[in-house]
Amino acid sequence: MSDEDRTSPVLRASDADREETATALREHCAVGRLTHEELSDRLDAAYSARTVAELKALLHDLPELPPSPAPRPPRRTSDRAQRRVLHAVGTAVLINVAFLLLFLASGAHGGYWPRWIVALTLIRLAFVAWRELGPAARTDDEPRLGRGGAERLHDRVYRAERGALPRDRDGEGARDRPDRR
């Protein structure tokens, strides 16, 4: 069967055709070409359409959407994350060697007390490795917010949307106080 036969207007529509049309309608609504009421009506018509011609009629007054971007390749561990883990390993080794030398210099009597230091540095190392290389590790293109970063990010978005700085608790905005930023 040729491509022309598959897109023939009298051809019965498949579930995939209906879903593709519904997705296109949602995208047109997202950019403002359709109201929510129009979207609801057209979605009902799309899911009840029997032929390809009925589906095309739902999109006839809308421009074609640009092709969707290619899917991102699977995330690979960044070099930066690997360097952070190696830095944590180096720090753990230095700390443990320093306490081992201290233990040996003190005469090495009794039990090996630096075992607690070894255990704590290994636990810390496991947390660092999990954060940097684990399944929920952030990629280099994701922002690293840090302490108070989410609040700063929210303030920046708020200012960009409103065109002004947010008000303080006392009700004064930054524009009301020329002496403070």
C-alpha atoms as a PDB file:
ATOM      1  CA  MET A   1       0.000   0.000   0.000  1.00  0.00           C
ATOM      2  CA  SER A   2       1.445   3.391  -0.959  1.00  0.00           C
ATOM      3  CA  ASP A   3       1.572   6.506   1.241  1.00  0.00           C
ATOM      4  CA  GLU A   4      -1.233   8.041  -0.797  1.00  0.00           C
ATOM      5  CA  ASP A   5      -3.475   5.058  -0.031  1.00  0.00           C
ATOM      6  CA  ARG A   6      -2.751   5.384   3.708  1.00  0.00           C
ATOM      7  CA  THR A   7      -3.746   9.062   3.763  1.00  0.00           C
ATOM      8  CA  SER A   8      -6.785   8.680   1.579  1.00  0.00           C
ATOM      9  CA  PRO A   9      -9.671  10.753   3.013  1.00  0.00           C
ATOM     10  CA  VAL A  10     -12.071   7.798   2.875  1.00  0.00           C
ATOM     11  CA  LEU A  11      -9.680   5.558   4.762  1.00  0.00           C
ATOM     12  CA  ARG A  12     -10.770   4.649   8.284  1.00  0.00           C
ATOM     13  CA  ALA A  13      -8.811   6.410  11.026  1.00  0.00           C
ATOM     14  CA  SER A  14      -6.758   4.399  13.503  1.00  0.00           C
ATOM     15  CA  ASP A  15      -6.352   5.085  17.209  1.00  0.00           C
ATOM     16  CA  ALA A  16      -2.847   6.380  16.454  1.00  0.00           C
ATOM     17  CA  ASP A  17      -4.285   8.844  13.902  1.00  0.00           C
ATOM     18  CA  ARG A  18      -6.827  10.082  16.449  1.00  0.00           C
ATOM     19  CA  GLU A  19      -4.156  10.466  19.126  1.00  0.00           C
ATOM     20  CA  GLU A  20      -1.851  12.329  16.726  1.00  0.00           C
ATOM     21  CA  THR A  21      -4.659  14.755  15.875  1.00  0.00           C
ATOM     22  CA  ALA A  22      -5.515  15.222  19.556  1.00  0.00           C
ATOM     23  CA  THR A  23      -1.878  15.982  20.361  1.00  0.00           C
ATOM     24  CA  ALA A  24      -1.728  18.548  17.558  1.00  0.00           C
ATOM     25  CA  LEU A  25      -4.933  20.187  18.827  1.00  0.00           C
ATOM     26  CA  ARG A  26      -3.520  20.400  22.369  1.00  0.00           C
ATOM     27  CA  GLU A  27      -0.347  22.025  21.041  1.00  0.00           C
ATOM     28  CA  HIS A  28      -2.373  24.577  19.077  1.00  0.00           C
ATOM     29  CA  CYS A  29      -4.353  25.347  22.251  1.00  0.00           C
ATOM     30  CA  ALA A  30      -1.116  25.707  24.225  1.00  0.00           C
ATOM     31  CA  VAL A  31       0.124  28.427  21.867  1.00  0.00           C
ATOM     32  CA  GLY A  32      -3.245  30.211  21.904  1.00  0.00           C
ATOM     33  CA  ARG A  33      -4.757  29.322  18.557  1.00  0.00           C
ATOM     34  CA  LEU A  34      -7.707  27.535  20.181  1.00  0.00           C
ATOM     35  CA  THR A  35      -9.748  28.337  23.262  1.00  0.00           C
ATOM     36  CA  HIS A  36     -10.358  25.648  25.842  1.00  0.00           C
ATOM     37  CA  GLU A  37     -13.942  25.283  24.683  1.00  0.00           C
ATOM     38  CA  GLU A  38     -12.850  24.834  21.057  1.00  0.00           C
ATOM     39  CA  LEU A  39     -10.238  22.344  22.180  1.00  0.00           C
ATOM     40  CA  SER A  40     -12.817  20.355  24.109  1.00  0.00           C
ATOM     41  CA  ASP A  41     -15.204  20.286  21.146  1.00  0.00           C
ATOM     42  CA  ARG A  42     -12.485  19.323  18.679  1.00  0.00           C
ATOM     43  CA  LEU A  43     -11.092  16.624  20.974  1.00  0.00           C
ATOM     44  CA  ASP A  44     -14.535  15.080  21.281  1.00  0.00           C
ATOM     45  CA  ALA A  45     -14.821  15.148  17.492  1.00  0.00           C
ATOM     46  CA  ALA A  46     -11.305  13.726  17.066  1.00  0.00           C
ATOM     47  CA  TYR A  47     -11.924  10.775  19.336  1.00  0.00           C
ATOM     48  CA  SER A  48     -15.248  10.025  17.644  1.00  0.00           C
ATOM     49  CA  ALA A  49     -13.918  10.477  14.075  1.00  0.00           C
ATOM     50  CA  ARG A  50     -14.152   7.459  11.816  1.00  0.00           C
ATOM     51  CA  THR A  51     -12.203   8.581   8.746  1.00  0.00           C
ATOM     52  CA  VAL A  52      -8.993  10.432   8.038  1.00  0.00           C
ATOM     53  CA  ALA A  53     -11.038  13.153   6.301  1.00  0.00           C
ATOM     54  CA  GLU A  54     -12.902  13.901   9.550  1.00  0.00           C
ATOM     55  CA  LEU A  55      -9.580  14.264  11.362  1.00  0.00           C
ATOM     56  CA  LYS A  56      -8.157  16.545   8.662  1.00  0.00           C
ATOM     57  CA  ALA A  57     -11.275  18.731   8.859  1.00  0.00           C
ATOM     58  CA  LEU A  58     -10.477  19.413  12.535  1.00  0.00           C
ATOM     59  CA  LEU A  59      -7.081  20.841  11.575  1.00  0.00           C
ATOM     60  CA  HIS A  60      -7.961  22.577   8.284  1.00  0.00           C
ATOM     61  CA  ASP A  61      -7.982  26.138   9.725  1.00  0.00           C
ATOM     62  CA  LEU A  62      -4.760  25.692  11.746  1.00  0.00           C
ATOM     63  CA  PRO A  63      -1.185  26.029  10.468  1.00  0.00           C
ATOM     64  CA  GLU A  64       1.073  23.005  10.429  1.00  0.00           C
ATOM     65  CA  LEU A  65       3.132  22.571  13.569  1.00  0.00           C
ATOM     66  CA  PRO A  66       6.914  22.569  13.289  1.00  0.00           C
ATOM     67  CA  PRO A  67       8.430  19.102  13.603  1.00  0.00           C
ATOM     68  CA  SER A  68       9.116  18.079  17.176  1.00  0.00           C
ATOM     69  CA  PRO A  69      12.776  18.084  18.183  1.00  0.00           C
ATOM     70  CA  ALA A  70      14.667  14.814  18.094  1.00  0.00           C
ATOM     71  CA  PRO A  71      14.653  12.950  21.387  1.00  0.00           C
ATOM     72  CA  ARG A  72      17.625  13.607  23.603  1.00  0.00           C
ATOM     73  CA  PRO A  73      20.234  10.876  23.733  1.00  0.00           C
ATOM     74  CA  PRO A  74      20.471   9.008  27.017  1.00  0.00           C
ATOM     75  CA  ARG A  75      22.201  11.060  29.677  1.00  0.00           C
ATOM     76  CA  ARG A  76      25.740  10.052  30.317  1.00  0.00           C
ATOM     77  CA  THR A  77      27.649  10.841  33.431  1.00  0.00           C
ATOM     78  CA  SER A  78      29.298  14.208  33.082  1.00  0.00           C
ATOM     79  CA  ASP A  79      33.013  14.690  33.454  1.00  0.00           C
ATOM     80  CA  ARG A  80      32.327  17.296  36.106  1.00  0.00           C
ATOM     81  CA  ALA A  81      30.415  14.803  38.256  1.00  0.00           C
ATOM     82  CA  GLN A  82      33.195  12.256  37.902  1.00  0.00           C
ATOM     83  CA  ARG A  83      35.754  14.880  38.955  1.00  0.00           C
ATOM     84  CA  ARG A  84      33.665  15.779  42.014  1.00  0.00           C
ATOM     85  CA  VAL A  85      33.516  12.118  43.040  1.00  0.00           C
ATOM     86  CA  LEU A  86      37.262  11.701  42.484  1.00  0.00           C
ATOM     87  CA  HIS A  87      37.865  14.834  44.550  1.00  0.00           C
ATOM     88  CA  ALA A  88      35.777  13.361  47.372  1.00  0.00           C
ATOM     89  CA  VAL A  89      37.732  10.082  47.143  1.00  0.00           C
ATOM     90  CA  GLY A  90      41.024  11.980  47.344  1.00  0.00           C
ATOM     91  CA  THR A  91      39.820  13.950  50.348  1.00  0.00           C
ATOM     92  CA  ALA A  92      38.689  10.757  52.104  1.00  0.00           C
ATOM     93  CA  VAL A  93      42.038   9.077  51.442  1.00  0.00           C
ATOM     94  CA  LEU A  94      43.984  12.088  52.768  1.00  0.00           C
ATOM     95  CA  ILE A  95      41.890  12.279  55.931  1.00  0.00           C
ATOM     96  CA  ASN A  96      42.233   8.549  56.590  1.00  0.00           C
ATOM     97  CA  VAL A  97      45.993   8.527  55.950  1.00  0.00           C
ATOM     98  CA  ALA A  98      46.422  11.510  58.301  1.00  0.00           C
ATOM     99  CA  PHE A  99      44.551   9.738  61.111  1.00  0.00           C
ATOM    100  CA  LEU A 100      46.424   6.477  60.423  1.00  0.00           C
ATOM    101  CA  LEU A 101      49.737   8.330  60.766  1.00  0.00           C
ATOM    102  CA  LEU A 102      48.479   9.959  63.967  1.00  0.00           C
ATOM    103  CA  PHE A 103      47.506   6.528  65.314  1.00  0.00           C
ATOM    104  CA  LEU A 104      50.897   5.068  64.414  1.00  0.00           C
ATOM    105  CA  ALA A 105      52.760   8.083  65.860  1.00  0.00           C
ATOM    106  CA  SER A 106      50.902   7.730  69.161  1.00  0.00           C
ATOM    107  CA  GLY A 107      52.266   4.203  69.591  1.00  0.00           C
ATOM    108  CA  ALA A 108      49.430   2.186  68.080  1.00  0.00           C
ATOM    109  CA  HIS A 109      48.284   0.954  71.481  1.00  0.00           C
ATOM    110  CA  GLY A 110      44.831  -0.456  72.028  1.00  0.00           C
ATOM    111  CA  GLY A 111      42.137  -0.787  69.423  1.00  0.00           C
ATOM    112  CA  TYR A 112      42.275   0.881  66.043  1.00  0.00           C
ATOM    113  CA  TRP A 113      40.349   4.037  66.958  1.00  0.00           C
ATOM    114  CA  PRO A 114      40.567   5.652  63.467  1.00  0.00           C
ATOM    115  CA  ARG A 115      38.050   3.028  62.254  1.00  0.00           C
ATOM    116  CA  TRP A 116      35.337   5.547  63.153  1.00  0.00           C
ATOM    117  CA  ILE A 117      36.956   8.122  60.912  1.00  0.00           C
ATOM    118  CA  VAL A 118      37.189   5.538  58.115  1.00  0.00           C
ATOM    119  CA  ALA A 119      33.493   4.652  58.545  1.00  0.00           C
ATOM    120  CA  LEU A 120      32.368   8.293  58.508  1.00  0.00           C
ATOM    121  CA  THR A 121      34.433   9.181  55.432  1.00  0.00           C
ATOM    122  CA  LEU A 122      33.132   6.096  53.586  1.00  0.00           C
ATOM    123  CA  ILE A 123      29.547   7.059  54.416  1.00  0.00           C
ATOM    124  CA  ARG A 124      30.182  10.596  53.187  1.00  0.00           C
ATOM    125  CA  LEU A 125      31.821   9.234  50.040  1.00  0.00           C
ATOM    126  CA  ALA A 126      28.807   7.001  49.356  1.00  0.00           C
ATOM    127  CA  PHE A 127      26.452   9.999  49.656  1.00  0.00           C
ATOM    128  CA  VAL A 128      28.578  12.110  47.304  1.00  0.00           C
ATOM    129  CA  ALA A 129      28.818   9.313  44.730  1.00  0.00           C
ATOM    130  CA  TRP A 130      25.056   8.681  44.877  1.00  0.00           C
ATOM    131  CA  ARG A 131      24.255  12.378  44.497  1.00  0.00           C
ATOM    132  CA  GLU A 132      26.649  12.885  41.583  1.00  0.00           C
ATOM    133  CA  LEU A 133      26.361   9.564  39.734  1.00  0.00           C
ATOM    134  CA  GLY A 134      23.086   8.020  40.925  1.00  0.00           C
ATOM    135  CA  PRO A 135      19.833   7.731  38.978  1.00  0.00           C
ATOM    136  CA  ALA A 136      18.577  11.175  40.050  1.00  0.00           C
ATOM    137  CA  ALA A 137      21.888  12.938  39.408  1.00  0.00           C
ATOM    138  CA  ARG A 138      21.518  16.300  37.749  1.00  0.00           C
ATOM    139  CA  THR A 139      23.013  16.894  34.338  1.00  0.00           C
ATOM    140  CA  ASP A 140      25.340  19.763  33.545  1.00  0.00           C
ATOM    141  CA  ASP A 141      22.581  21.643  31.721  1.00  0.00           C
ATOM    142  CA  GLU A 142      20.316  21.660  34.797  1.00  0.00           C
ATOM    143  CA  PRO A 143      20.770  24.568  37.201  1.00  0.00           C
ATOM    144  CA  ARG A 144      22.437  23.878  40.513  1.00  0.00           C
ATOM    145  CA  LEU A 145      20.436  25.952  42.941  1.00  0.00           C
ATOM    146  CA  GLY A 146      22.382  25.533  46.177  1.00  0.00           C
ATOM    147  CA  ARG A 147      21.373  27.167  49.437  1.00  0.00           C
ATOM    148  CA  GLY A 148      18.515  29.608  48.903  1.00  0.00           C
ATOM    149  CA  GLY A 149      18.751  29.106  45.147  1.00  0.00           C
ATOM    150  CA  ALA A 150      15.123  28.156  44.665  1.00  0.00           C
ATOM    151  CA  GLU A 151      14.009  31.374  46.338  1.00  0.00           C
ATOM    152  CA  ARG A 152      16.396  33.456  44.212  1.00  0.00           C
ATOM    153  CA  LEU A 153      15.197  31.672  41.078  1.00  0.00           C
ATOM    154  CA  HIS A 154      11.562  32.350  42.037  1.00  0.00           C
ATOM    155  CA  ASP A 155      12.328  36.040  42.636  1.00  0.00           C
ATOM    156  CA  ARG A 156      14.048  36.318  39.264  1.00  0.00           C
ATOM    157  CA  VAL A 157      11.083  34.744  37.472  1.00  0.00           C
ATOM    158  CA  TYR A 158       8.659  36.925  39.423  1.00  0.00           C
ATOM    159  CA  ARG A 159      10.552  40.081  38.438  1.00  0.00           C
ATOM    160  CA  ALA A 160      10.696  39.045  34.809  1.00  0.00           C
ATOM    161  CA  GLU A 161       6.952  38.358  34.696  1.00  0.00           C
ATOM    162  CA  ARG A 162       5.864  41.464  36.588  1.00  0.00           C
ATOM    163  CA  GLY A 163       8.508  43.889  35.425  1.00  0.00           C
ATOM    164  CA  ALA A 164       9.118  44.936  39.011  1.00  0.00           C
ATOM    165  CA  LEU A 165      10.792  43.709  42.131  1.00  0.00           C
ATOM    166  CA  PRO A 166       8.660  41.858  44.718  1.00  0.00           C
ATOM    167  CA  ARG A 167       7.478  43.727  47.802  1.00  0.00           C
ATOM    168  CA  ASP A 168       9.077  43.263  51.188  1.00  0.00           C
ATOM    169  CA  ARG A 169       7.148  42.175  54.254  1.00  0.00           C
ATOM    170  CA  ASP A 170       6.570  45.775  55.260  1.00  0.00           C
ATOM    171  CA  GLY A 171       4.928  46.500  51.882  1.00  0.00           C
ATOM    172  CA  GLU A 172       7.740  48.583  50.412  1.00  0.00           C
ATOM    173  CA  GLY A 173       9.066  47.666  47.014  1.00  0.00           C
ATOM    174  CA  ALA A 174      12.669  48.070  45.954  1.00  0.00           C
ATOM    175  CA  ARG A 175      11.682  51.029  43.758  1.00  0.00           C
ATOM    176  CA  ASP A 176      10.198  52.780  46.815  1.00  0.00           C
ATOM    177  CA  ARG A 177      13.567  52.713  48.578  1.00  0.00           C
ATOM    178  CA  PRO A 178      16.322  54.318  46.525  1.00  0.00           C
ATOM    179  CA  ASP A 179      18.875  53.779  49.332  1.00  0.00           C
ATOM    180  CA  ARG A 180      18.448  49.948  49.366  1.00  0.00           C
ATOM    181  CA  ARG A 181      18.682  47.396  46.584  1.00  0.00           C
END
